[in-house]
Amino acid sequence: MDDRQKLLHDWTEKLLAAFEIDGTEVDIDAVLGLAGRAAHGVVRPAAPLTTFVVGYAAGLAVGSGQADEQVAMRSATAVADALCAEAAADGGSE
């Protein structure tokens, strides 16, 4: 693990602890990949908005009992990925 990866891992662990959701699995590479696709397929500011909405949608699905954590994140990410691809195909970003 390089310094950047360790910093991101440690920061994620700190966030999870602060929100009292320790033990939640976060695929940092998947989140960063989605953010990159949103930034390049839509516009840069779409990256944090996209990852926030995906996390929120997944959280709602888990909280309402519609899906477990893994399924909720995969499903929400797949929807966002499809929208990012559509936006990129339509002419995309900066």
Protein backbone atom coordinates (compact mmCIF):
# COMPACT_ATOMS: atom_id res chain seq x y z
CA MET A 1 0.00 0.00 0.00
CA ASP A 2 1.52 3.32 -1.02
CA ASP A 3 1.26 6.55 1.02
CA ARG A 4 -1.79 7.81 -0.87
CA GLN A 5 -3.65 4.53 -0.49
CA LYS A 6 -2.81 4.40 3.23
CA LEU A 7 -3.99 7.97 3.71
CA LEU A 8 -7.29 7.22 1.94
CA HIS A 9 -7.74 3.98 3.90
CA ASP A 10 -7.05 5.74 7.21
CA TRP A 11 -9.36 8.62 6.32
CA THR A 12 -12.15 6.20 5.38
CA GLU A 13 -11.72 4.34 8.66
CA LYS A 14 -11.86 7.65 10.55
CA LEU A 15 -15.07 8.64 8.74
CA LEU A 16 -16.67 5.27 9.41
CA ALA A 17 -15.79 5.49 13.11
CA ALA A 18 -17.11 9.06 13.37
CA PHE A 19 -20.45 7.96 11.92
CA GLU A 20 -20.45 4.83 14.09
CA ILE A 21 -20.53 2.51 11.11
CA ASP A 22 -17.18 0.82 11.73
CA GLY A 23 -16.81 -2.40 9.82
CA THR A 24 -18.66 -1.12 6.78
CA GLU A 25 -16.83 -2.27 3.68
CA VAL A 26 -15.85 0.58 1.38
CA ASP A 27 -14.32 -0.23 -1.99
CA ILE A 28 -12.20 2.90 -2.30
CA ASP A 29 -11.09 2.07 -5.85
CA ALA A 30 -14.70 1.61 -6.98
CA VAL A 31 -15.77 4.91 -5.43
CA LEU A 32 -12.84 6.76 -7.00
CA GLY A 33 -13.49 5.08 -10.34
CA LEU A 34 -17.13 6.17 -10.30
CA ALA A 35 -16.07 9.69 -9.35
CA GLY A 36 -13.66 9.73 -12.28
CA ARG A 37 -16.31 8.55 -14.72
CA ALA A 38 -18.71 11.22 -13.47
CA ALA A 39 -16.04 13.93 -13.65
CA HIS A 40 -15.06 13.06 -17.20
CA GLY A 41 -18.45 11.97 -18.51
CA VAL A 42 -20.48 14.85 -17.12
CA VAL A 43 -18.44 17.69 -15.54
CA ARG A 44 -15.90 17.67 -12.72
CA PRO A 45 -18.32 18.81 -10.00
CA ALA A 46 -20.47 15.78 -10.81
CA ALA A 47 -17.89 13.53 -9.11
CA PRO A 48 -18.69 14.33 -5.46
CA LEU A 49 -22.39 14.74 -6.21
CA THR A 50 -22.56 11.36 -7.91
CA THR A 51 -20.74 9.51 -5.16
CA PHE A 52 -22.88 11.21 -2.50
CA VAL A 53 -26.15 10.33 -4.22
CA VAL A 54 -25.02 6.73 -4.83
CA GLY A 55 -24.13 6.33 -1.17
CA TYR A 56 -27.38 7.94 -0.07
CA ALA A 57 -29.47 5.74 -2.38
CA ALA A 58 -27.65 2.62 -1.21
CA GLY A 59 -28.13 3.64 2.42
CA LEU A 60 -31.84 4.15 1.88
CA ALA A 61 -32.12 0.73 0.24
CA VAL A 62 -30.32 -0.94 3.15
CA GLY A 63 -32.24 1.04 5.78
CA SER A 64 -35.59 0.16 4.26
CA GLY A 65 -34.69 -3.51 3.96
CA GLN A 66 -34.76 -3.53 0.15
CA ALA A 67 -31.22 -4.89 -0.14
CA ASP A 68 -28.13 -5.79 1.85
CA GLU A 69 -25.10 -3.49 1.77
CA GLN A 70 -23.27 -5.24 -1.09
CA VAL A 71 -26.31 -5.44 -3.37
CA ALA A 72 -27.39 -1.88 -2.61
CA MET A 73 -23.96 -0.45 -3.43
CA ARG A 74 -23.56 -2.53 -6.59
CA SER A 75 -27.03 -1.56 -7.80
CA ALA A 76 -26.68 2.15 -7.06
CA THR A 77 -23.22 2.21 -8.64
CA ALA A 78 -24.51 0.42 -11.75
CA VAL A 79 -27.26 3.01 -12.21
CA ALA A 80 -24.77 5.87 -11.85
CA ASP A 81 -22.28 4.15 -14.19
CA ALA A 82 -24.98 3.83 -16.85
CA LEU A 83 -25.91 7.49 -16.50
CA CYS A 84 -22.25 8.54 -16.69
CA ALA A 85 -21.76 6.47 -19.85
CA GLU A 86 -24.89 8.02 -21.35
CA ALA A 87 -23.68 11.52 -20.51
CA ALA A 88 -20.24 10.78 -22.01
CA ALA A 89 -21.86 9.46 -25.18
CA ASP A 90 -23.93 12.63 -25.42
CA GLY A 91 -20.85 14.80 -25.46
CA GLY A 92 -19.75 14.82 -21.88
CA SER A 93 -17.57 17.07 -19.96
CA GLU A 94 -14.73 19.47 -19.81
